[in-house]
Protein backbone atom coordinates (compact mmCIF):
# COMPACT_ATOMS: atom_id res chain seq x y z
CA MET A 1 -2.46 -18.25 -8.24
CA ASP A 2 0.98 -16.18 -7.29
CA LEU A 3 2.14 -13.19 -5.26
CA THR A 4 4.66 -10.43 -5.63
CA ILE A 5 4.97 -8.33 -2.14
CA LEU A 6 6.80 -4.84 -2.72
CA PHE A 7 8.37 -3.15 -0.27
CA PRO A 8 9.05 0.28 -0.54
CA VAL A 9 12.03 1.75 1.59
CA LEU A 10 13.91 4.82 2.22
CA ASN A 11 16.97 4.75 4.30
CA GLU A 12 15.34 2.04 6.40
CA HIS A 13 18.91 0.12 7.22
CA LEU A 14 17.57 -0.39 10.67
CA ARG A 15 14.50 -2.33 10.08
CA LEU A 16 15.32 -4.15 6.14
CA GLU A 17 16.77 -7.34 7.29
CA SER A 18 14.71 -8.03 10.32
CA GLY A 19 11.76 -7.58 7.89
CA ILE A 20 12.67 -9.78 5.34
CA ASP A 21 14.14 -12.39 7.17
CA ARG A 22 10.35 -12.66 9.09
CA CYS A 23 8.44 -12.16 5.59
CA VAL A 24 10.93 -15.26 4.30
CA LYS A 25 10.36 -17.06 7.59
CA TYR A 26 6.23 -16.51 7.47
CA VAL A 27 5.63 -17.28 3.88
CA ARG A 28 8.09 -20.43 3.70
CA GLU A 29 6.32 -21.78 6.79
CA ASN A 30 2.48 -20.49 5.94
CA VAL A 31 1.83 -19.52 2.10
CA ASN A 32 1.20 -22.18 -0.41
CA ILE A 33 1.45 -20.04 -3.29
CA PRO A 34 4.48 -18.90 -5.06
CA CYS A 35 5.54 -15.70 -3.64
CA LYS A 36 8.23 -13.15 -5.26
CA MET A 37 9.69 -10.01 -2.93
CA VAL A 38 10.35 -6.97 -4.36
CA ILE A 39 12.93 -4.39 -1.85
CA ILE A 40 12.30 -0.83 -4.09
CA ASP A 41 14.48 1.35 -2.87
CA ASN A 42 13.67 4.84 -3.49
CA GLY A 43 16.38 7.45 -3.06
CA SER A 44 18.62 5.76 -0.21
CA ASP A 45 21.84 7.80 0.82
CA ASP A 46 22.34 5.36 4.06
CA ASP A 47 23.40 1.70 3.83
CA THR A 48 20.16 0.34 2.17
CA PRO A 49 21.41 -0.59 -0.81
CA GLU A 50 23.91 -3.01 0.48
CA ILE A 51 21.64 -4.84 2.94
CA GLY A 52 18.80 -4.91 0.46
CA LYS A 53 21.35 -6.37 -2.34
CA ALA A 54 22.64 -8.66 0.13
CA LEU A 55 18.69 -9.87 0.95
CA ALA A 56 18.37 -10.15 -2.68
CA GLU A 57 21.18 -12.64 -2.83
CA LYS A 58 20.43 -14.28 0.27
CA TYR A 59 17.43 -15.15 -1.19
CA GLU A 60 16.21 -16.54 -4.13
CA TYR A 61 12.86 -15.24 -4.80
CA VAL A 62 14.14 -11.66 -3.00
CA THR A 63 15.04 -8.74 -5.42
CA TYR A 64 16.65 -5.52 -4.87
CA LEU A 65 15.16 -2.76 -7.36
CA ARG A 66 16.76 0.73 -6.66
CA ILE A 67 14.76 3.95 -8.59
CA GLU A 68 16.25 7.56 -7.95
CA GLU A 69 12.86 9.40 -6.84
CA ARG A 70 11.44 9.41 -3.41
CA GLY A 71 8.27 8.46 -1.99
CA VAL A 72 5.91 5.82 -1.80
CA GLY A 73 3.68 6.42 -4.18
CA ILE A 74 6.43 6.54 -7.22
CA ALA A 75 7.90 3.09 -5.76
CA PHE A 76 4.43 1.31 -5.77
CA LYS A 77 3.69 2.27 -9.04
CA THR A 78 6.98 1.00 -10.41
CA GLY A 79 6.53 -2.48 -8.95
CA VAL A 80 2.77 -2.68 -10.18
CA GLU A 81 4.59 -1.78 -13.77
CA LYS A 82 7.14 -4.76 -13.23
CA ALA A 83 4.93 -7.28 -11.55
CA ASP A 84 4.23 -10.31 -13.79
CA THR A 85 2.03 -12.55 -10.96
CA ASP A 86 -1.54 -12.88 -10.57
CA ILE A 87 -1.78 -10.89 -6.94
CA VAL A 88 0.49 -7.39 -6.08
CA GLY A 89 0.58 -5.84 -3.46
CA TYR A 90 2.61 -4.03 -0.65
CA MET A 91 3.80 -4.00 2.96
CA ASP A 92 5.18 -1.87 5.26
CA ILE A 93 9.30 -3.48 6.12
CA ASP A 94 8.18 -2.42 9.88
CA LEU A 95 5.69 -5.15 9.54
CA SER A 96 3.40 -3.04 11.62
CA THR A 97 0.07 -5.53 9.87
CA ASP A 98 0.50 -8.74 11.72
CA LEU A 99 2.02 -11.18 8.98
CA LYS A 100 -0.55 -13.72 9.17
CA TYR A 101 -2.84 -11.18 7.48
CA LEU A 102 -1.14 -12.13 4.16
CA SER A 103 -2.77 -15.78 4.45
CA ARG A 104 -5.85 -14.44 5.12
CA MET A 105 -5.59 -11.79 2.22
CA ILE A 106 -4.52 -14.95 -0.31
CA ASP A 107 -7.52 -16.87 1.15
CA LEU A 108 -9.74 -14.07 0.27
CA PHE A 109 -8.52 -13.90 -3.49
CA GLU A 110 -8.55 -17.73 -3.58
CA ASP A 111 -12.20 -17.77 -2.59
CA ARG A 112 -13.69 -15.14 -4.46
CA PRO A 113 -12.94 -14.75 -8.03
CA THR A 114 -14.90 -11.67 -8.04
CA LEU A 115 -12.30 -9.70 -5.46
CA SER A 116 -10.43 -6.92 -7.00
CA TYR A 117 -8.75 -5.59 -4.11
CA VAL A 118 -8.01 -6.14 -0.30
CA ASN A 119 -7.81 -3.12 2.14
CA GLY A 120 -6.09 -3.66 5.32
CA THR A 121 -8.04 -1.58 7.99
CA ARG A 122 -6.77 0.16 11.43
CA PHE A 123 -10.37 1.58 11.84
CA SER A 124 -13.10 -1.12 11.54
CA ARG A 125 -14.88 -1.89 14.64
CA THR A 126 -12.89 -5.38 14.68
CA SER A 127 -9.09 -4.26 13.99
CA ASP A 128 -7.05 -4.51 17.06
CA THR A 129 -4.44 -1.19 16.72
CA ARG A 130 -2.04 -0.97 19.40
CA GLY A 131 0.83 1.26 20.37
CA ARG A 132 -0.55 4.50 18.53
CA LYS A 133 0.81 7.95 20.12
CA TRP A 134 -2.61 10.09 20.72
CA TYR A 135 -1.46 12.70 18.02
CA ARG A 136 -1.14 9.86 15.45
CA LYS A 137 -4.93 8.95 16.49
CA VAL A 138 -6.13 12.26 15.82
CA THR A 139 -4.51 12.90 12.40
CA SER A 140 -5.39 9.52 11.06
CA ALA A 141 -8.99 9.78 12.38
CA GLY A 142 -9.16 13.25 11.04
CA LEU A 143 -7.93 12.04 7.36
CA VAL A 144 -10.60 9.53 6.92
CA PHE A 145 -13.36 11.78 8.28
CA ILE A 146 -12.25 14.42 5.63
CA LEU A 147 -12.06 11.78 2.97
CA LYS A 148 -15.12 9.86 3.54
CA HIS A 149 -17.17 13.81 3.68
CA TYR A 150 -15.36 15.21 1.02
CA LEU A 151 -14.17 12.49 -1.55
CA LYS A 152 -17.07 9.79 -0.50
CA MET A 153 -14.50 7.06 0.59
CA LYS A 154 -16.46 4.11 1.57
CA ALA A 155 -13.16 2.23 3.13
CA THR A 156 -13.09 2.74 6.90
CA ASP A 157 -8.68 3.18 6.63
CA ALA A 158 -6.64 4.62 3.31
CA LEU A 159 -3.46 3.73 4.96
CA CYS A 160 -2.74 0.72 7.02
CA GLY A 161 0.67 -0.14 4.49
CA PHE A 162 -1.54 -3.26 3.63
CA THR A 163 -2.80 -2.97 0.16
CA PHE A 164 -3.21 -6.46 -2.35
CA LEU A 165 -4.91 -6.21 -5.73
CA ARG A 166 -5.17 -8.71 -8.67
CA THR A 167 -2.37 -7.45 -10.98
CA PRO A 168 -4.61 -6.52 -14.21
CA VAL A 169 -6.90 -4.54 -12.16
CA ALA A 170 -3.88 -2.71 -10.01
CA LYS A 171 -2.20 -1.84 -13.66
CA LYS A 172 -5.36 -0.27 -14.84
CA LEU A 173 -5.65 1.92 -11.90
CA VAL A 174 -1.86 2.91 -12.39
CA LYS A 175 -2.73 4.31 -15.50
CA GLU A 176 -5.51 6.23 -13.69
CA CYS A 177 -4.00 7.70 -11.21
CA SER A 178 -2.05 11.00 -11.02
CA ASP A 179 1.46 11.68 -10.76
CA ASP A 180 1.76 12.19 -6.82
CA LYS A 181 4.85 10.10 -5.67
CA GLY A 182 4.33 10.32 -1.69
CA TRP A 183 1.91 8.13 0.11
CA PHE A 184 -1.54 9.76 -1.32
CA TYR A 185 -1.00 7.85 -4.30
CA THR A 186 -2.19 4.40 -2.64
CA VAL A 187 -5.29 6.83 -1.56
CA GLU A 188 -5.94 7.96 -4.79
CA MET A 189 -5.73 4.35 -6.00
CA LEU A 190 -8.42 3.04 -3.27
CA LEU A 191 -10.84 5.90 -4.07
CA ARG A 192 -10.28 4.65 -8.11
CA ALA A 193 -11.38 1.64 -7.09
CA GLU A 194 -13.95 2.33 -5.38
CA ARG A 195 -15.67 4.75 -8.16
CA ALA A 196 -15.29 1.92 -10.37
CA GLY A 197 -17.33 -0.26 -8.91
CA LEU A 198 -14.61 -2.57 -7.88
CA GLU A 199 -15.30 -5.60 -5.52
CA ILE A 200 -12.95 -4.64 -2.35
CA GLU A 201 -12.19 -6.17 1.03
CA ASP A 202 -12.10 -3.85 3.78
CA MET A 203 -10.25 -6.15 5.97
CA PRO A 204 -9.76 -5.58 9.61
CA VAL A 205 -5.93 -6.39 10.85
CA GLU A 206 -3.91 -6.28 13.85
CA TRP A 207 -1.76 -3.44 13.34
CA ILE A 208 1.55 -1.84 15.98
CA GLU A 209 2.68 1.13 16.16
CA ASP A 210 6.37 1.49 15.24
CA TYR A 211 7.84 4.75 16.64
CA ASN A 212 10.88 4.92 14.52
CA THR A 213 8.83 5.70 10.93
CA THR A 214 10.77 7.87 8.81
CA VAL A 215 7.67 9.39 7.99
CA ASN A 216 7.25 13.40 8.59
CA VAL A 217 4.24 13.67 9.83
CA GLY A 218 3.63 17.24 9.13
CA ARG A 219 4.84 17.55 6.21
CA THR A 220 2.65 14.41 5.28
CA ILE A 221 -0.57 16.39 6.58
CA LYS A 222 -0.08 19.23 4.25
CA ASN A 223 0.48 17.08 1.13
CA TYR A 224 -2.55 14.86 1.74
CA LEU A 225 -4.68 17.89 2.09
CA LYS A 226 -3.66 19.62 -1.27
CA ARG A 227 -3.79 16.42 -2.57
CA ILE A 228 -7.25 15.80 -1.61
CA ARG A 229 -8.40 19.41 -2.89
CA MET A 230 -6.55 18.64 -6.49
CA LEU A 231 -8.13 15.33 -6.57
CA LYS A 232 -11.63 16.71 -5.90
CA ARG A 233 -11.53 19.50 -8.69
CA ARG A 234 -9.96 16.17 -10.95
CA PHE A 235 -12.92 13.93 -10.08
CA ARG A 236 -15.77 16.88 -11.01
CA ALA A 237 -13.94 17.21 -14.33
CA GLU A 238 -14.17 13.52 -15.02
CA ASP A 239 -17.39 13.22 -13.57
CA SER A 240 -18.32 15.97 -15.92
CA ALA A 241 -16.45 14.97 -18.96
CA LYS A 242 -18.99 11.80 -18.38
CA THR A 243 -21.80 13.30 -18.73
CA THR A 244 -21.03 15.58 -21.46
CA ASP A 245 -20.13 12.02 -23.44
CA GLU A 246 -23.45 10.43 -22.24
CA GLU A 247 -25.56 13.29 -23.49
C-alpha cells in the first residue's frame, strides 16, 4: 500500500515550510509505506510558490503543483484526479490534527480491506480539541447540526481538515460531486460517500486551533448555507430520478 498526502495552500508562506518539514520528519520516522506529498498552490500571490518549489527540490517525494483557481475544493479535486497511489487524502498545512493520526489512518486501511473512507472528527466524545475560540465552536457546531438535520449526515464532523480515502473511491466520488471550488466540496464528498453506503471510519483526533488561519469565517458560512440548500435540491432530484428508473 502507498499514500499521497495533499496539502492545499493559499498564501501560506508563514506555515508552509514548517508544515512540510514536520510532516516529512514524521513520515520518515513513523510511516512504513511509500508516501508522496503534494503541495497544491491554488492561486497564491505571496512567496508561497517560491517556498513550495524549494521544498520540492529539498525532498524527493514532495512535489509542487500550481493551479490558478482558488479554493480547497478545486485543489482537492485536482490532487485526487492526479493521484496514482492506493490511498489519497488531504491535511491542513497548519497540522492542526496531530501527525500521529497519519499512522492510525494507515493502520485502519491496512486492517480493514472494506474500509473506504477515514474522516477525522473534532466532535466525537473522545476527540481532544483545544484552543478554539467560542465563536468558532458555535459556528462549527451549528454547521454540524444543520448537516445532520437537513442533509442527514451521520458523521460527527465534516471539516476537520483530515480526510483520506482509497483512491479508486475518491476518483469515483469526484466525478459525482458538484463544481464547488471551496471547502464545501469536501462536505459533499462525505455526504455522497454516506449515501452510497460506503464503510466510513469517523476517527476522533487531537486537534489544536491555529489562529493564523487564512479562512474568512463569515464568507465561508454564507457559502455553506447556500451550498447546503443547493445540495438538498440536488439530492432530491437524484432520488426522484432513481425512483423513476426503478419503477
